[in-house]
C-alpha cells in the first residue's frame, strides 16, 4: 500500500506537539505580562520618589518625617519620609519610600515598591 498522505497517528502526534508548544508559549506570555506590569509599577514608583526628593531640594515640600501619606500628584500612591542626622554638620540622610495603596495590604513585611535615599543640606542643622 503506497499512500501519499499522513497517517492518522502522525496527525495526532503532530497535533499533540503543537498543543504542548502553544501552551508553553501562552505561559511565557502570562509571565511576561506580569513582569511588564511590575516593571511599569517600579518605574512609576521611582519617578514618584525622585519627584518627592526634588520637591524637598527646591523647598516646595518640607523635609520632615512623614508616614504613609498620599502623594499629592499621584493618585493611588502613598509615601513615607524618614530623616536621620549624619556626623557632618548641616547634612541629613533623607529616605523616601513609596507604596501602592491597593497593594499595601497584600504585600508581606510591608515592603515598599521603591525606596530612595539622598543626603541633603539642612538649613537648621536638622529637620526643618
N, C-alpha and C. Protein backbone atom coordinates (compact mmCIF):
# COMPACT_ATOMS: atom_id res chain seq x y z
N UNK A 1 0.84 -1.17 0.00
CA UNK A 1 0.00 0.00 0.00
C UNK A 1 0.89 1.24 0.00
N UNK A 2 0.79 2.07 -1.00
CA UNK A 2 1.62 3.24 -1.18
C UNK A 2 0.74 4.49 -1.15
N UNK A 3 0.66 5.17 0.04
CA UNK A 3 -0.18 6.36 0.13
C UNK A 3 0.69 7.61 0.14
N UNK A 4 0.10 8.73 -0.29
CA UNK A 4 0.86 9.99 -0.38
C UNK A 4 0.50 10.95 0.76
N UNK A 5 -0.31 10.58 1.70
CA UNK A 5 -0.72 11.43 2.80
C UNK A 5 -0.14 10.97 4.12
N UNK A 6 -0.54 11.66 5.21
CA UNK A 6 -0.09 11.31 6.54
C UNK A 6 -1.06 10.30 7.14
N UNK A 7 -0.53 9.47 7.99
CA UNK A 7 -1.40 8.53 8.70
C UNK A 7 -2.08 9.27 9.86
N UNK A 8 -3.13 8.69 10.38
CA UNK A 8 -3.87 9.29 11.49
C UNK A 8 -2.96 9.44 12.72
N UNK A 9 -2.11 8.48 12.96
CA UNK A 9 -1.19 8.54 14.09
C UNK A 9 -0.23 9.72 13.96
N UNK A 10 0.29 9.97 12.78
CA UNK A 10 1.20 11.10 12.55
C UNK A 10 0.48 12.43 12.78
N UNK A 11 -0.75 12.52 12.35
CA UNK A 11 -1.52 13.76 12.55
C UNK A 11 -1.80 13.98 14.04
N UNK A 12 -2.14 12.94 14.77
CA UNK A 12 -2.41 13.07 16.22
C UNK A 12 -1.14 13.48 16.96
N UNK A 13 0.00 12.88 16.62
CA UNK A 13 1.27 13.24 17.27
C UNK A 13 1.64 14.69 16.96
N UNK A 14 1.50 15.11 15.72
CA UNK A 14 1.81 16.49 15.34
C UNK A 14 0.89 17.47 16.06
N UNK A 15 -0.38 17.14 16.20
CA UNK A 15 -1.33 18.00 16.90
C UNK A 15 -0.97 18.10 18.39
N UNK A 16 -0.59 16.99 18.99
CA UNK A 16 -0.20 17.00 20.41
C UNK A 16 1.03 17.87 20.63
N UNK A 17 2.00 17.77 19.73
CA UNK A 17 3.20 18.61 19.83
C UNK A 17 2.84 20.08 19.68
N UNK A 18 1.96 20.39 18.74
CA UNK A 18 1.53 21.77 18.53
C UNK A 18 0.79 22.32 19.75
N UNK A 19 -0.07 21.52 20.35
CA UNK A 19 -0.82 21.95 21.54
C UNK A 19 0.13 22.19 22.71
N UNK A 20 1.07 21.28 22.93
CA UNK A 20 2.03 21.44 24.03
C UNK A 20 2.88 22.69 23.83
N UNK A 21 3.32 22.93 22.62
CA UNK A 21 4.12 24.13 22.33
C UNK A 21 3.30 25.40 22.54
N UNK A 22 2.06 25.38 22.11
CA UNK A 22 1.18 26.55 22.27
C UNK A 22 0.95 26.85 23.75
N UNK A 23 0.75 25.81 24.55
CA UNK A 23 0.52 26.05 25.99
C UNK A 23 1.76 26.64 26.64
N UNK A 24 2.94 26.18 26.25
CA UNK A 24 4.18 26.74 26.80
C UNK A 24 4.32 28.21 26.42
N UNK A 25 3.99 28.54 25.19
CA UNK A 25 4.07 29.94 24.76
C UNK A 25 3.07 30.81 25.49
N UNK A 26 1.88 30.31 25.75
CA UNK A 26 0.88 31.08 26.49
C UNK A 26 1.35 31.34 27.93
N UNK A 27 2.00 30.36 28.54
CA UNK A 27 2.53 30.57 29.89
C UNK A 27 3.63 31.64 29.87
N UNK A 28 4.47 31.61 28.85
CA UNK A 28 5.52 32.63 28.74
C UNK A 28 4.92 34.02 28.56
N UNK A 29 3.85 34.12 27.78
CA UNK A 29 3.19 35.41 27.61
C UNK A 29 2.61 35.92 28.93
N UNK A 30 2.04 35.01 29.71
CA UNK A 30 1.48 35.40 31.00
C UNK A 30 2.57 35.89 31.95
N UNK A 31 3.67 35.18 32.01
CA UNK A 31 4.79 35.59 32.86
C UNK A 31 5.36 36.92 32.38
N UNK A 32 5.48 37.07 31.07
CA UNK A 32 5.97 38.34 30.51
C UNK A 32 5.07 39.50 30.86
N UNK A 33 3.76 39.29 30.82
CA UNK A 33 2.80 40.34 31.18
C UNK A 33 2.95 40.74 32.64
N UNK A 34 3.13 39.76 33.52
CA UNK A 34 3.31 40.05 34.95
C UNK A 34 4.59 40.87 35.18
N UNK A 35 5.66 40.51 34.49
CA UNK A 35 6.91 41.25 34.64
C UNK A 35 6.78 42.66 34.06
N UNK A 36 6.04 42.82 32.99
CA UNK A 36 5.81 44.14 32.43
C UNK A 36 5.07 45.03 33.41
N UNK A 37 4.03 44.51 34.01
CA UNK A 37 3.25 45.29 34.99
C UNK A 37 4.13 45.68 36.17
N UNK A 38 4.92 44.72 36.66
CA UNK A 38 5.80 45.00 37.80
C UNK A 38 6.85 46.06 37.45
N UNK A 39 7.40 45.96 36.24
CA UNK A 39 8.42 46.93 35.80
C UNK A 39 7.82 48.32 35.64
N UNK A 40 6.62 48.40 35.08
CA UNK A 40 5.96 49.71 34.94
C UNK A 40 5.66 50.32 36.30
N UNK A 41 5.19 49.50 37.23
CA UNK A 41 4.89 50.00 38.58
C UNK A 41 6.16 50.47 39.28
N UNK A 42 7.23 49.74 39.12
CA UNK A 42 8.51 50.12 39.75
C UNK A 42 9.05 51.41 39.13
N UNK A 43 8.93 51.55 37.82
CA UNK A 43 9.39 52.78 37.16
C UNK A 43 8.57 53.98 37.63
N UNK A 44 7.26 53.79 37.77
CA UNK A 44 6.41 54.87 38.27
C UNK A 44 6.78 55.23 39.71
N UNK A 45 7.04 54.22 40.53
CA UNK A 45 7.43 54.46 41.93
C UNK A 45 8.77 55.20 42.00
N UNK A 46 9.69 54.84 41.14
CA UNK A 46 10.99 55.52 41.11
C UNK A 46 10.81 56.98 40.72
N UNK A 47 9.97 57.24 39.75
CA UNK A 47 9.70 58.62 39.33
C UNK A 47 9.07 59.42 40.47
N UNK A 48 8.14 58.80 41.19
CA UNK A 48 7.48 59.49 42.31
C UNK A 48 8.50 59.80 43.40
N UNK A 49 9.35 58.84 43.74
CA UNK A 49 10.39 59.07 44.76
C UNK A 49 11.30 60.22 44.35
N UNK A 50 11.75 60.19 43.11
CA UNK A 50 12.66 61.24 42.64
C UNK A 50 11.97 62.60 42.65
N UNK A 51 10.70 62.63 42.29
CA UNK A 51 9.96 63.89 42.30
C UNK A 51 9.83 64.43 43.72
N UNK A 52 9.53 63.55 44.69
CA UNK A 52 9.43 63.99 46.08
C UNK A 52 10.76 64.54 46.59
N UNK A 53 11.85 63.87 46.26
CA UNK A 53 13.17 64.35 46.68
C UNK A 53 13.48 65.69 46.02
N UNK A 54 13.17 65.82 44.74
CA UNK A 54 13.39 67.09 44.05
C UNK A 54 12.58 68.22 44.68
N UNK A 55 11.33 67.93 45.06
CA UNK A 55 10.49 68.94 45.71
C UNK A 55 11.08 69.35 47.05
N UNK A 56 11.67 68.41 47.76
CA UNK A 56 12.34 68.75 49.03
C UNK A 56 13.54 69.65 48.77
N UNK A 57 14.30 69.35 47.74
CA UNK A 57 15.51 70.12 47.47
C UNK A 57 15.20 71.56 47.05
N UNK A 58 14.10 71.76 46.33
CA UNK A 58 13.78 73.13 45.91
C UNK A 58 12.92 73.86 46.94
N UNK A 59 12.47 73.15 47.98
CA UNK A 59 11.74 73.81 49.05
C UNK A 59 10.24 73.81 48.92
N UNK A 60 9.67 73.15 47.90
CA UNK A 60 8.21 73.13 47.78
C UNK A 60 7.57 72.04 48.63
N UNK A 61 8.39 71.14 49.19
CA UNK A 61 7.91 70.11 50.11
C UNK A 61 8.83 70.14 51.32
N UNK A 62 8.22 70.23 52.49
CA UNK A 62 9.01 70.32 53.72
C UNK A 62 9.75 69.01 53.97
N UNK A 63 10.99 69.14 54.38
CA UNK A 63 11.77 67.96 54.76
C UNK A 63 11.40 67.64 56.19
N UNK A 64 10.54 66.63 56.34
CA UNK A 64 10.01 66.29 57.65
C UNK A 64 9.64 64.81 57.67
N UNK A 65 9.55 64.24 58.86
CA UNK A 65 9.14 62.84 58.96
C UNK A 65 7.67 62.71 58.56
N UNK A 66 7.40 61.76 57.68
CA UNK A 66 6.05 61.53 57.18
C UNK A 66 5.84 60.02 57.17
N UNK A 67 4.65 59.59 57.57
CA UNK A 67 4.36 58.16 57.50
C UNK A 67 3.07 57.91 56.72
N UNK A 68 3.21 57.26 55.60
CA UNK A 68 2.13 56.78 54.75
C UNK A 68 1.08 57.86 54.43
N UNK A 69 1.56 58.96 53.89
CA UNK A 69 0.65 59.99 53.40
C UNK A 69 0.45 59.82 51.91
N UNK A 70 -0.68 60.27 51.42
CA UNK A 70 -0.96 60.18 49.99
C UNK A 70 -0.07 61.15 49.22
N UNK A 71 0.38 60.69 48.06
CA UNK A 71 1.17 61.54 47.18
C UNK A 71 0.21 62.48 46.47
N UNK A 72 0.47 63.75 46.56
CA UNK A 72 -0.43 64.78 46.05
C UNK A 72 -0.73 64.64 44.56
N UNK A 73 0.27 64.41 43.75
CA UNK A 73 0.08 64.39 42.29
C UNK A 73 0.02 62.99 41.71
N UNK A 74 -0.06 61.96 42.55
CA UNK A 74 -0.09 60.58 42.06
C UNK A 74 -1.16 59.80 42.83
N UNK A 75 -2.38 59.80 42.31
CA UNK A 75 -3.45 59.07 43.00
C UNK A 75 -3.12 57.57 43.11
N UNK A 76 -3.45 56.99 44.25
CA UNK A 76 -3.21 55.57 44.46
C UNK A 76 -1.85 55.25 45.07
N UNK A 77 -1.06 56.27 45.33
CA UNK A 77 0.28 56.06 45.89
C UNK A 77 0.38 56.75 47.25
N UNK A 78 1.10 56.13 48.19
CA UNK A 78 1.42 56.75 49.47
C UNK A 78 2.94 56.76 49.63
N UNK A 79 3.40 57.66 50.50
CA UNK A 79 4.85 57.75 50.71
C UNK A 79 5.15 57.98 52.18
N UNK A 80 6.36 57.60 52.54
CA UNK A 80 6.89 57.88 53.87
C UNK A 80 8.25 58.53 53.69
N UNK A 81 8.57 59.44 54.60
CA UNK A 81 9.87 60.10 54.57
C UNK A 81 10.47 60.00 55.96
N UNK A 82 11.70 59.56 56.01
CA UNK A 82 12.40 59.43 57.29
C UNK A 82 13.69 60.23 57.22
N UNK A 83 14.04 60.87 58.30
CA UNK A 83 15.25 61.69 58.37
C UNK A 83 16.19 61.10 59.40
N UNK A 84 17.47 61.10 59.07
CA UNK A 84 18.47 60.65 60.02
C UNK A 84 19.62 61.65 60.00
N UNK A 85 20.04 62.09 61.18
CA UNK A 85 21.18 63.01 61.22
C UNK A 85 22.46 62.28 60.81
N UNK A 86 23.42 63.02 60.33
CA UNK A 86 24.72 62.45 59.99
C UNK A 86 25.77 63.09 60.88
N UNK A 87 26.99 62.62 60.79
CA UNK A 87 28.07 63.17 61.60
C UNK A 87 28.60 64.48 61.01
N UNK A 88 28.15 64.82 59.83
CA UNK A 88 28.58 66.06 59.18
C UNK A 88 27.54 67.14 59.48
N UNK A 89 28.00 68.29 59.90
CA UNK A 89 27.10 69.39 60.26
C UNK A 89 26.28 69.80 59.04
N UNK A 90 25.01 70.12 59.28
CA UNK A 90 24.07 70.60 58.26
C UNK A 90 23.84 69.59 57.13
N UNK A 91 24.00 68.31 57.42
CA UNK A 91 23.75 67.27 56.42
C UNK A 91 22.87 66.21 57.05
N UNK A 92 21.77 65.87 56.37
CA UNK A 92 20.86 64.83 56.86
C UNK A 92 20.67 63.78 55.78
N UNK A 93 20.33 62.59 56.23
CA UNK A 93 20.02 61.48 55.33
C UNK A 93 18.51 61.40 55.22
N UNK A 94 17.98 61.53 54.00
CA UNK A 94 16.55 61.51 53.76
C UNK A 94 16.22 60.21 53.01
N UNK A 95 15.31 59.43 53.58
CA UNK A 95 14.88 58.18 52.95
C UNK A 95 13.40 58.31 52.58
N UNK A 96 13.10 58.16 51.30
CA UNK A 96 11.73 58.25 50.80
C UNK A 96 11.32 56.87 50.30
N UNK A 97 10.15 56.42 50.74
CA UNK A 97 9.61 55.13 50.30
C UNK A 97 8.21 55.35 49.75
N UNK A 98 7.85 54.60 48.72
CA UNK A 98 6.50 54.71 48.16
C UNK A 98 5.85 53.34 48.06
N UNK A 99 4.53 53.33 48.24
CA UNK A 99 3.71 52.12 48.16
C UNK A 99 2.51 52.40 47.27
N UNK A 100 1.99 51.36 46.66
CA UNK A 100 0.68 51.43 46.01
C UNK A 100 -0.35 51.20 47.10
N UNK A 101 -1.39 52.01 47.14
CA UNK A 101 -2.41 51.85 48.18
C UNK A 101 -3.14 50.52 48.07
N UNK A 102 -3.38 50.05 46.86
CA UNK A 102 -4.12 48.81 46.68
C UNK A 102 -3.28 47.57 46.96
N UNK A 103 -1.97 47.71 47.09
CA UNK A 103 -1.10 46.57 47.33
C UNK A 103 -0.58 46.49 48.75
N UNK A 104 -0.71 47.57 49.51
CA UNK A 104 -0.07 47.60 50.83
C UNK A 104 -0.59 46.50 51.75
N UNK A 105 -1.85 46.14 51.61
CA UNK A 105 -2.41 45.10 52.48
C UNK A 105 -1.95 43.71 52.07
N UNK A 106 -1.62 43.52 50.80
CA UNK A 106 -1.25 42.19 50.33
C UNK A 106 0.25 41.94 50.36
N UNK A 107 1.05 42.98 50.44
CA UNK A 107 2.50 42.78 50.42
C UNK A 107 2.98 42.30 51.78
N UNK A 108 3.85 41.32 51.77
CA UNK A 108 4.39 40.82 53.02
C UNK A 108 5.48 41.75 53.53
N UNK A 109 5.62 41.82 54.83
CA UNK A 109 6.62 42.64 55.51
C UNK A 109 6.49 44.12 55.18
N UNK A 110 5.36 44.53 54.62
CA UNK A 110 5.11 45.94 54.32
C UNK A 110 6.23 46.54 53.47
N UNK A 111 6.70 45.81 52.47
CA UNK A 111 7.79 46.26 51.61
C UNK A 111 7.31 47.35 50.65
N UNK A 112 8.04 48.45 50.55
CA UNK A 112 7.65 49.49 49.58
C UNK A 112 7.94 49.03 48.16
N UNK A 113 7.28 49.68 47.21
CA UNK A 113 7.55 49.39 45.81
C UNK A 113 8.93 49.93 45.43
N UNK A 114 9.28 51.09 46.00
CA UNK A 114 10.58 51.68 45.70
C UNK A 114 11.03 52.50 46.90
N UNK A 115 12.34 52.63 47.05
CA UNK A 115 12.93 53.39 48.15
C UNK A 115 14.13 54.16 47.60
N UNK A 116 14.23 55.42 48.01
CA UNK A 116 15.32 56.27 47.53
C UNK A 116 15.94 56.97 48.73
N UNK A 117 17.27 57.00 48.80
CA UNK A 117 17.97 57.65 49.89
C UNK A 117 18.85 58.75 49.31
N UNK A 118 18.77 59.94 49.88
CA UNK A 118 19.59 61.08 49.46
C UNK A 118 20.12 61.79 50.69
N UNK A 119 21.29 62.36 50.54
CA UNK A 119 21.87 63.19 51.59
C UNK A 119 21.64 64.63 51.17
N UNK A 120 21.08 65.43 52.08
CA UNK A 120 20.73 66.81 51.76
C UNK A 120 21.24 67.75 52.83
N UNK A 121 21.42 68.98 52.41
CA UNK A 121 21.76 70.02 53.39
C UNK A 121 20.52 70.40 54.16
N UNK A 122 20.72 70.64 55.41
CA UNK A 122 19.63 71.07 56.27
C UNK A 122 19.89 72.53 56.65
N UNK A 123 18.86 73.35 56.46
CA UNK A 123 19.00 74.77 56.74
C UNK A 123 19.23 75.01 58.23
N UNK A 124 18.59 74.20 59.09
CA UNK A 124 18.70 74.44 60.54
C UNK A 124 19.64 73.46 61.22
N UNK A 125 20.32 72.62 60.45
CA UNK A 125 21.22 71.65 61.05
C UNK A 125 20.52 70.35 61.40
N UNK A 126 19.21 70.27 61.24
CA UNK A 126 18.42 69.07 61.48
C UNK A 126 17.28 69.07 60.50
N UNK A 127 16.15 68.53 60.89
CA UNK A 127 14.99 68.60 60.00
C UNK A 127 14.31 69.94 60.18
N UNK A 128 13.71 70.43 59.09
CA UNK A 128 13.03 71.71 59.21
C UNK A 128 11.54 71.53 59.22
